[in-house]
């Protein structure tokens, strides 16, 4: 037979006939379907898991960066004539101006912070109060533009803003009056008396992160200075930067501006352990799911070995007709690689659809389970996120195709090296 180019049309025709042949004809169609379904489900699981992983990480980081300082600046100075140390910042306005002038810094806002007991009627809850100027509050993305809101943030000077979780615990809404109680009040001859003040609720926000919505209250800076005995001083400077991923590049400049006794706490310091845990979990999950894809690919080997055994007579005839070992190898390679390729394509389609429509899918699962599938108090966010990334899809495709094509080579080589005389001896 004349030499033919690799993967000639007749090779594809023979491979296609073998793939769809029924068992009565010496084929293994059932094994073909099992292999196809196995690869499809493995790729689907891999893409769905990578999408959820990426979405969870992106949502977690976004809620941190959208509601908290990228860098928090503290100052620690010794009190003259004593061994005590003060962490108050007396020149906070000038320091904020100098920090905001650093290239890469988008905002520097002085804060007064304290913990209080919030009360309305018989309802009480602990809360963290952030004293901040109205102009600076408008620059916090997850507060100024939250997932949900009640009231108008423009009225912030007339009262306080609180997270939806705090409002739910107290049973209040916009227009209600809330009492805040601080144990660090006025000093008297009998000791320190708790300080109590009442404020109108003018704005309720849902930042999208449970621990923030459940504990945070914002108060105008001037009111917070009076309430927490911080007249003319601030507790810390909240710094926002243009590129939070490279915040460490700006810390030397912030130290220089802050001067001696400056302490910094970045968002990576507060969430670093969790992010590192996510990274480890990401790597482990990818390895585990890669093994799942490998197991699915092994089904292709099983089916192909059975196909080679059943088609021994056909292989002998084809070899006697002049087909080379290369042609036989390519025919059976097409059989196995075709199953892997089709399964990969179907798995990618299912995985992408799952990531794109995860909200209705999750709502259906939650409905079927009777609710309570997702507990935001444990997971920190309110819904299961998914973010479909091209890089994750390409990695899944490369892994699946690579494994399914590689494992196909071994039974295909066995078929190619089959002796035609031995194959036809008992026919």
Protein backbone atom coordinates (compact mmCIF):
# COMPACT_ATOMS: atom_id res chain seq x y z
CA UNK A 1 0.00 0.00 0.00
CA UNK A 2 1.30 3.48 -0.83
CA UNK A 3 2.55 5.58 2.03
CA UNK A 4 -0.12 7.83 3.44
CA UNK A 5 0.20 11.03 5.45
CA UNK A 6 -0.28 10.63 9.23
CA UNK A 7 -3.90 10.74 10.40
CA UNK A 8 -5.26 10.11 6.95
CA UNK A 9 -9.00 10.08 6.30
CA UNK A 10 -9.23 6.27 6.30
CA UNK A 11 -7.62 6.14 9.75
CA UNK A 12 -10.31 8.44 11.13
CA UNK A 13 -13.04 6.35 9.45
CA UNK A 14 -11.77 3.08 10.93
CA UNK A 15 -11.34 4.65 14.39
CA UNK A 16 -14.87 6.06 14.29
CA UNK A 17 -16.26 2.66 13.30
CA UNK A 18 -14.44 0.99 16.20
CA UNK A 19 -15.63 3.58 18.75
CA UNK A 20 -19.30 3.17 17.90
CA UNK A 21 -19.20 -0.59 17.35
CA UNK A 22 -21.44 -2.60 19.65
CA UNK A 23 -20.20 -5.50 21.72
CA UNK A 24 -21.88 -8.02 19.39
CA UNK A 25 -19.66 -6.67 16.62
CA UNK A 26 -16.52 -6.97 18.70
CA UNK A 27 -16.74 -3.40 19.99
CA UNK A 28 -16.94 -1.94 23.50
CA UNK A 29 -19.55 0.78 23.21
CA UNK A 30 -20.53 0.45 26.88
CA UNK A 31 -16.94 1.01 27.97
CA UNK A 32 -16.77 3.95 25.59
CA UNK A 33 -19.75 5.59 27.27
CA UNK A 34 -18.36 4.88 30.74
CA UNK A 35 -15.03 6.43 29.79
CA UNK A 36 -16.72 9.43 28.20
CA UNK A 37 -18.93 10.08 31.23
CA UNK A 38 -15.99 9.63 33.59
CA UNK A 39 -13.81 12.19 31.82
CA UNK A 40 -16.74 14.61 31.50
CA UNK A 41 -17.56 14.50 35.21
CA UNK A 42 -13.91 14.74 36.23
CA UNK A 43 -13.32 17.87 34.11
CA UNK A 44 -16.63 19.34 35.27
CA UNK A 45 -15.65 18.81 38.92
CA UNK A 46 -12.21 20.32 38.32
CA UNK A 47 -13.51 23.48 36.63
CA UNK A 48 -16.36 23.93 39.12
CA UNK A 49 -13.99 23.59 42.08
CA UNK A 50 -11.44 25.98 40.60
CA UNK A 51 -14.20 28.52 39.86
CA UNK A 52 -15.57 28.36 43.40
CA UNK A 53 -12.05 28.58 44.79
CA UNK A 54 -11.29 31.67 42.71
CA UNK A 55 -14.65 33.24 43.54
CA UNK A 56 -14.29 32.63 47.25
CA UNK A 57 -10.80 34.11 47.32
CA UNK A 58 -11.82 37.15 45.23
CA UNK A 59 -14.92 37.78 47.37
CA UNK A 60 -12.97 37.42 50.60
CA UNK A 61 -10.24 39.81 49.50
CA UNK A 62 -12.75 42.27 48.04
CA UNK A 63 -14.73 42.49 51.28
CA UNK A 64 -11.49 43.06 53.21
CA UNK A 65 -10.20 45.75 50.87
CA UNK A 66 -13.62 47.34 50.42
CA UNK A 67 -14.36 47.78 54.13
CA UNK A 68 -11.02 47.99 55.92
CA UNK A 69 -7.83 49.99 55.78
CA UNK A 70 -5.12 48.72 53.48
CA UNK A 71 -2.59 50.00 56.02
CA UNK A 72 -3.32 51.13 59.57
CA UNK A 73 -0.80 53.58 61.05
CA UNK A 74 -0.28 53.76 64.81
CA UNK A 75 2.13 55.87 66.84
CA UNK A 76 3.69 54.85 70.11
CA UNK A 77 5.29 57.55 72.27
CA UNK A 78 6.50 57.58 75.85
CA UNK A 79 4.68 59.87 78.28
CA UNK A 80 7.15 62.32 79.78
CA UNK A 81 8.05 61.64 83.39
CA UNK A 82 6.43 58.20 83.43
CA UNK A 83 7.08 54.68 82.21
CA UNK A 84 3.76 54.61 80.40
CA UNK A 85 3.32 54.62 76.64
CA UNK A 86 0.66 56.54 74.71
CA UNK A 87 -0.70 55.34 71.38
CA UNK A 88 -2.72 58.47 70.69
CA UNK A 89 -1.90 60.65 67.66
CA UNK A 90 -2.10 64.37 68.58
CA UNK A 91 -1.07 65.80 65.17
CA UNK A 92 -3.34 63.50 63.18
CA UNK A 93 -4.44 66.14 60.67
CA UNK A 94 -0.90 66.96 59.56
CA UNK A 95 0.11 63.30 59.58
CA UNK A 96 -2.91 62.40 57.44
CA UNK A 97 -2.01 65.12 54.94
CA UNK A 98 1.61 63.92 54.73
CA UNK A 99 0.58 60.29 54.29
CA UNK A 100 -1.92 61.17 51.57
CA UNK A 101 0.88 62.91 49.65
CA UNK A 102 2.87 59.67 49.27
CA UNK A 103 2.74 58.44 45.65
CA UNK A 104 0.46 55.40 45.51
CA UNK A 105 -1.62 56.42 48.55
CA UNK A 106 -5.18 57.36 47.64
CA UNK A 107 -6.47 58.39 51.07
CA UNK A 108 -5.38 58.78 54.68
CA UNK A 109 -8.14 59.21 57.26
CA UNK A 110 -7.83 59.66 61.04
CA UNK A 111 -9.97 57.34 63.13
CA UNK A 112 -11.14 57.11 66.71
CA UNK A 113 -12.01 53.55 67.67
CA UNK A 114 -13.66 51.97 70.67
CA UNK A 115 -15.81 49.10 71.78
CA UNK A 116 -19.26 49.76 73.17
CA UNK A 117 -22.44 48.06 74.27
CA UNK A 118 -25.29 49.09 71.96
CA UNK A 119 -28.73 49.10 73.53
CA UNK A 120 -32.32 49.67 72.53
CA UNK A 121 -35.04 48.65 74.93
CA UNK A 122 -34.29 45.13 76.09
CA UNK A 123 -31.90 44.36 73.24
CA UNK A 124 -28.13 44.63 73.69
CA UNK A 125 -25.16 43.78 71.49
CA UNK A 126 -21.43 44.46 71.45
CA UNK A 127 -20.17 46.72 68.67
CA UNK A 128 -17.00 48.35 67.36
CA UNK A 129 -17.36 52.10 66.86
CA UNK A 130 -15.31 53.84 64.17
CA UNK A 131 -15.16 57.62 64.46
CA UNK A 132 -14.54 59.01 60.96
CA UNK A 133 -15.24 62.21 59.06
CA UNK A 134 -18.22 62.17 56.66
CA UNK A 135 -15.96 62.89 53.66
CA UNK A 136 -13.70 59.94 54.49
CA UNK A 137 -16.66 57.61 55.03
CA UNK A 138 -17.78 58.26 51.46
CA UNK A 139 -14.47 56.87 50.17
CA UNK A 140 -14.95 53.40 51.72
CA UNK A 141 -16.39 51.35 48.80
CA UNK A 142 -18.30 48.68 50.71
CA UNK A 143 -19.87 51.27 53.04
CA UNK A 144 -20.69 54.04 50.58
CA UNK A 145 -21.84 51.56 47.89
CA UNK A 146 -22.87 48.43 49.78
CA UNK A 147 -24.80 45.39 48.58
CA UNK A 148 -27.88 46.73 50.36
CA UNK A 149 -28.66 49.89 52.28
CA UNK A 150 -31.39 51.66 54.22
CA UNK A 151 -31.34 55.42 54.69
CA UNK A 152 -29.06 58.07 53.20
CA UNK A 153 -25.34 58.27 53.94
CA UNK A 154 -25.55 62.02 53.32
CA UNK A 155 -27.27 62.31 56.75
CA UNK A 156 -24.24 60.82 58.50
CA UNK A 157 -23.50 64.11 60.34
CA UNK A 158 -26.89 63.84 62.08
CA UNK A 159 -26.40 60.40 63.68
CA UNK A 160 -24.65 57.07 63.23
CA UNK A 161 -24.34 54.41 60.53
CA UNK A 162 -24.41 50.74 61.45
CA UNK A 163 -24.13 47.32 59.86
CA UNK A 164 -27.28 45.40 59.06
CA UNK A 165 -26.30 42.69 61.54
CA UNK A 166 -26.10 45.19 64.40
CA UNK A 167 -29.44 46.68 63.37
CA UNK A 168 -30.99 43.21 63.24
CA UNK A 169 -29.70 42.32 66.71
CA UNK A 170 -31.13 45.52 68.18
CA UNK A 171 -34.31 45.43 66.11
CA UNK A 172 -33.85 48.97 64.82
CA UNK A 173 -34.20 50.75 61.50
CA UNK A 174 -33.45 54.21 60.17
CA UNK A 175 -34.95 56.87 62.43
CA UNK A 176 -34.71 54.83 65.63
CA UNK A 177 -32.57 55.97 68.55
CA UNK A 178 -29.80 53.72 69.89
CA UNK A 179 -27.97 54.06 73.19
CA UNK A 180 -24.20 53.46 73.22
CA UNK A 181 -22.50 52.61 76.50
CA UNK A 182 -18.72 52.80 76.96
CA UNK A 183 -16.99 51.63 80.15
CA UNK A 184 -14.29 54.30 79.66
CA UNK A 185 -16.24 57.37 80.66
CA UNK A 186 -15.64 60.33 82.93
CA UNK A 187 -13.24 59.94 85.86
CA UNK A 188 -14.82 60.68 89.25
CA UNK A 189 -13.81 60.37 92.88
CA UNK A 190 -15.56 57.01 92.87
CA UNK A 191 -13.65 55.79 89.82
CA UNK A 192 -14.42 55.79 86.11
CA UNK A 193 -18.10 56.06 85.35
CA UNK A 194 -19.51 54.48 82.17
CA UNK A 195 -20.39 56.98 79.49
CA UNK A 196 -23.82 56.72 77.87
CA UNK A 197 -25.09 58.65 74.87
CA UNK A 198 -28.00 58.17 72.50
CA UNK A 199 -27.77 58.61 68.71
CA UNK A 200 -30.20 58.47 65.82
CA UNK A 201 -29.66 55.72 63.24
CA UNK A 202 -29.45 57.44 59.84
CA UNK A 203 -27.87 54.76 57.65
CA UNK A 204 -27.80 50.94 57.66
CA UNK A 205 -25.43 49.11 55.30
CA UNK A 206 -24.72 45.53 54.24
CA UNK A 207 -21.04 45.37 53.35
CA UNK A 208 -21.23 41.71 52.31
CA UNK A 209 -19.03 40.39 55.09
CA UNK A 210 -20.78 38.95 58.14
CA UNK A 211 -18.29 40.00 60.81
CA UNK A 212 -18.36 43.61 59.58
CA UNK A 213 -22.14 43.86 59.28
CA UNK A 214 -22.55 42.19 62.65
CA UNK A 215 -20.26 44.45 64.70
CA UNK A 216 -19.49 47.77 63.02
CA UNK A 217 -20.91 51.23 63.79
CA UNK A 218 -19.65 54.47 62.23
CA UNK A 219 -19.86 57.78 64.09
CA UNK A 220 -18.78 61.29 63.03
CA UNK A 221 -15.19 61.90 64.13
CA UNK A 222 -16.00 64.91 66.32
CA UNK A 223 -18.74 63.00 68.16
CA UNK A 224 -16.46 59.99 68.64
CA UNK A 225 -13.70 62.20 70.10
CA UNK A 226 -16.14 63.53 72.67
CA UNK A 227 -17.66 60.13 73.45
CA UNK A 228 -14.33 58.32 73.90
CA UNK A 229 -12.45 61.22 75.61
CA UNK A 230 -10.19 61.72 72.57
CA UNK A 231 -10.37 65.50 72.42
CA UNK A 232 -7.90 66.72 69.80
CA UNK A 233 -6.36 63.29 69.16
CA UNK A 234 -6.96 60.18 67.05
CA UNK A 235 -6.29 56.50 67.68
CA UNK A 236 -4.98 55.59 64.23
CA UNK A 237 -4.70 56.66 60.59
CA UNK A 238 -6.50 54.56 58.00
CA UNK A 239 -4.52 54.48 54.74
CA UNK A 240 -5.87 53.33 51.37
CA UNK A 241 -3.51 52.61 48.47
CA UNK A 242 -4.03 52.33 44.72
CA UNK A 243 -2.59 48.80 44.46
CA UNK A 244 -3.34 46.76 47.61
CA UNK A 245 -1.55 43.69 46.22
CA UNK A 246 1.75 45.61 46.40
CA UNK A 247 1.08 47.39 49.67
CA UNK A 248 4.42 46.21 51.08
CA UNK A 249 6.21 48.39 48.53
CA UNK A 250 4.78 51.51 50.22
CA UNK A 251 5.53 50.62 53.84
CA UNK A 252 9.07 52.13 53.82
CA UNK A 253 7.70 55.50 52.65
CA UNK A 254 4.92 55.36 55.25
CA UNK A 255 7.47 54.61 57.98
CA UNK A 256 9.56 57.60 56.87
CA UNK A 257 6.57 59.94 57.04
CA UNK A 258 5.34 58.54 60.36
CA UNK A 259 8.70 58.93 62.04
CA UNK A 260 10.00 57.25 65.15
CA UNK A 261 7.51 55.12 67.06
CA UNK A 262 5.36 54.42 64.01
CA UNK A 263 3.70 51.01 63.84
CA UNK A 264 2.02 49.59 60.73
CA UNK A 265 -0.59 46.89 60.30
CA UNK A 266 -1.43 45.96 56.70
CA UNK A 267 -4.39 44.04 55.37
CA UNK A 268 -2.05 41.13 54.66
CA UNK A 269 -1.10 41.03 58.35
CA UNK A 270 -4.73 40.72 59.39
CA UNK A 271 -5.75 38.20 56.70
CA UNK A 272 -2.40 36.65 55.85
CA UNK A 273 -2.93 33.40 57.74
CA UNK A 274 -6.28 32.85 56.08
CA UNK A 275 -4.94 33.66 52.61
CA UNK A 276 -2.03 31.27 53.10
CA UNK A 277 -4.47 28.58 54.20
CA UNK A 278 -6.51 29.22 51.05
CA UNK A 279 -3.38 28.88 48.92
CA UNK A 280 -2.48 25.55 50.50
CA UNK A 281 -6.06 24.35 50.10
CA UNK A 282 -6.07 25.45 46.45
CA UNK A 283 -2.95 23.42 45.69
CA UNK A 284 -4.20 20.35 47.53
CA UNK A 285 -7.60 20.45 45.84
CA UNK A 286 -6.00 20.77 42.41
CA UNK A 287 -3.81 17.73 43.08
CA UNK A 288 -6.75 15.67 44.37
CA UNK A 289 -8.95 16.56 41.41
CA UNK A 290 -6.06 15.87 39.04
CA UNK A 291 -5.99 12.35 40.44
CA UNK A 292 -9.71 12.15 39.73
CA UNK A 293 -9.06 13.09 36.10
CA UNK A 294 -6.30 10.46 35.95
CA UNK A 295 -8.68 7.80 37.26
CA UNK A 296 -11.23 8.77 34.62
CA UNK A 297 -8.48 8.53 32.00
CA UNK A 298 -7.67 5.01 33.17
CA UNK A 299 -11.15 3.97 32.02
CA UNK A 300 -10.00 4.86 28.52
CA UNK A 301 -7.10 2.40 28.87
CA UNK A 302 -9.46 -0.36 30.00
CA UNK A 303 -11.81 0.19 27.11
CA UNK A 304 -8.98 0.47 24.61
CA UNK A 305 -7.30 -2.73 25.80
CA UNK A 306 -10.61 -4.57 25.38
CA UNK A 307 -11.02 -3.00 21.95
CA UNK A 308 -7.54 -4.11 20.87
CA UNK A 309 -8.24 -7.66 22.08
CA UNK A 310 -11.59 -7.84 20.29
CA UNK A 311 -10.18 -6.37 17.09
CA UNK A 312 -7.15 -8.67 16.87
CA UNK A 313 -8.45 -10.30 13.68
CA UNK A 314 -9.13 -6.90 12.11
CA UNK A 315 -5.63 -5.73 13.01
CA UNK A 316 -4.11 -8.81 11.35
CA UNK A 317 -6.13 -8.23 8.20
CA UNK A 318 -5.24 -4.56 8.06
CA UNK A 319 -1.56 -5.36 8.49
CA UNK A 320 -1.66 -7.97 5.69
CA UNK A 321 -3.33 -5.36 3.48
CA UNK A 322 -0.28 -3.16 3.92
CA UNK A 323 -1.11 -0.86 6.83
CA UNK A 324 1.99 0.12 8.77
CA UNK A 325 2.47 -0.07 12.53
CA UNK A 326 2.17 3.70 12.56
CA UNK A 327 -1.29 3.58 10.97
CA UNK A 328 -2.53 0.98 13.47
CA UNK A 329 -1.12 3.03 16.34
CA UNK A 330 -2.83 6.18 15.07
CA UNK A 331 -6.17 4.41 14.59
CA UNK A 332 -6.33 3.27 18.21
CA UNK A 333 -4.82 6.52 19.43
CA UNK A 334 -7.69 8.35 17.73
CA UNK A 335 -10.13 6.01 19.50
CA UNK A 336 -8.78 6.80 22.97
CA UNK A 337 -7.86 10.44 22.39
CA UNK A 338 -11.23 11.08 20.78
CA UNK A 339 -13.05 9.87 23.89
CA UNK A 340 -10.81 12.04 26.08
CA UNK A 341 -11.26 15.09 23.86
CA UNK A 342 -15.05 14.81 23.62
CA UNK A 343 -15.28 14.21 27.37
CA UNK A 344 -13.09 17.23 28.02
CA UNK A 345 -15.23 19.47 25.80
CA UNK A 346 -18.43 18.33 27.50
CA UNK A 347 -16.84 18.75 30.93
CA UNK A 348 -15.72 22.29 30.09
CA UNK A 349 -19.23 23.19 28.92
CA UNK A 350 -20.85 21.80 32.08
CA UNK A 351 -18.23 23.39 34.35
CA UNK A 352 -18.61 26.81 32.74
CA UNK A 353 -22.40 26.65 32.90
CA UNK A 354 -22.20 25.69 36.58
CA UNK A 355 -19.94 28.65 37.36
CA UNK A 356 -22.10 31.10 35.40
CA UNK A 357 -25.40 29.93 36.89
CA UNK A 358 -24.21 29.06 40.40
CA UNK A 359 -26.69 31.40 42.10
CA UNK A 360 -29.89 29.71 40.80
CA UNK A 361 -28.28 26.27 41.24
CA UNK A 362 -27.35 27.05 44.84
CA UNK A 363 -30.79 28.53 45.51
CA UNK A 364 -32.37 25.31 44.24
CA UNK A 365 -30.09 23.18 46.46
CA UNK A 366 -30.85 25.40 49.44
CA UNK A 367 -34.59 25.11 48.73
CA UNK A 368 -34.43 21.32 48.41
CA UNK A 369 -32.47 21.10 51.67
CA UNK A 370 -34.99 23.25 53.50
CA UNK A 371 -32.62 26.22 53.90
CA UNK A 372 -29.65 26.74 56.15
CA UNK A 373 -27.12 25.20 53.76
CA UNK A 374 -24.86 28.26 53.97
CA UNK A 375 -24.11 29.82 57.36
CA UNK A 376 -22.56 33.30 56.89
CA UNK A 377 -21.50 33.46 60.56
CA UNK A 378 -19.05 30.61 59.83
CA UNK A 379 -17.99 31.42 56.27
CA UNK A 380 -17.97 35.21 56.57
CA UNK A 381 -19.79 35.85 53.28
CA UNK A 382 -23.46 35.51 52.43
CA UNK A 383 -23.44 33.28 49.36
CA UNK A 384 -21.32 30.74 47.53
CA UNK A 385 -19.30 32.71 44.97
CA UNK A 386 -17.78 31.50 41.71
CA UNK A 387 -15.43 33.30 39.36
CA UNK A 388 -14.70 31.70 36.02
CA UNK A 389 -11.13 32.42 34.97
CA UNK A 390 -9.64 31.61 31.59
CA UNK A 391 -6.43 30.42 33.22
CA UNK A 392 -8.30 27.84 35.33
CA UNK A 393 -10.22 26.56 32.29
CA UNK A 394 -7.02 26.25 30.24
CA UNK A 395 -5.28 24.38 33.05
CA UNK A 396 -8.17 21.94 33.30
CA UNK A 397 -8.24 21.39 29.55
CA UNK A 398 -4.48 20.88 29.35
CA UNK A 399 -4.52 18.43 32.25
CA UNK A 400 -7.41 16.37 30.90
CA UNK A 401 -6.18 16.25 27.31
CA UNK A 402 -2.63 15.57 28.40
CA UNK A 403 -3.57 12.63 30.62
CA UNK A 404 -6.12 11.11 28.23
CA UNK A 405 -3.79 11.34 25.25
CA UNK A 406 -0.75 10.01 27.09
CA UNK A 407 -2.50 6.97 28.58
CA UNK A 408 -3.91 6.14 25.14
CA UNK A 409 -0.45 5.65 23.66
CA UNK A 410 0.29 2.45 25.59
CA UNK A 411 -2.61 0.22 24.37
CA UNK A 412 -2.28 1.80 20.91
CA UNK A 413 1.37 0.72 20.76
CA UNK A 414 0.37 -2.76 21.84
CA UNK A 415 -2.05 -2.96 18.92
CA UNK A 416 0.56 -1.62 16.49
CA UNK A 417 3.13 -4.22 17.53
CA UNK A 418 0.71 -7.14 17.25
CA UNK A 419 2.06 -9.87 14.93
CA UNK A 420 -0.44 -10.30 12.06
CA UNK A 421 0.45 -14.00 11.73
CA UNK A 422 -0.35 -14.64 15.38
CA UNK A 423 -3.52 -12.55 15.10
CA UNK A 424 -4.83 -14.67 12.18
CA UNK A 425 -3.48 -18.10 13.21
CA UNK A 426 -6.73 -19.34 14.71
CA UNK A 427 -9.10 -17.53 12.35
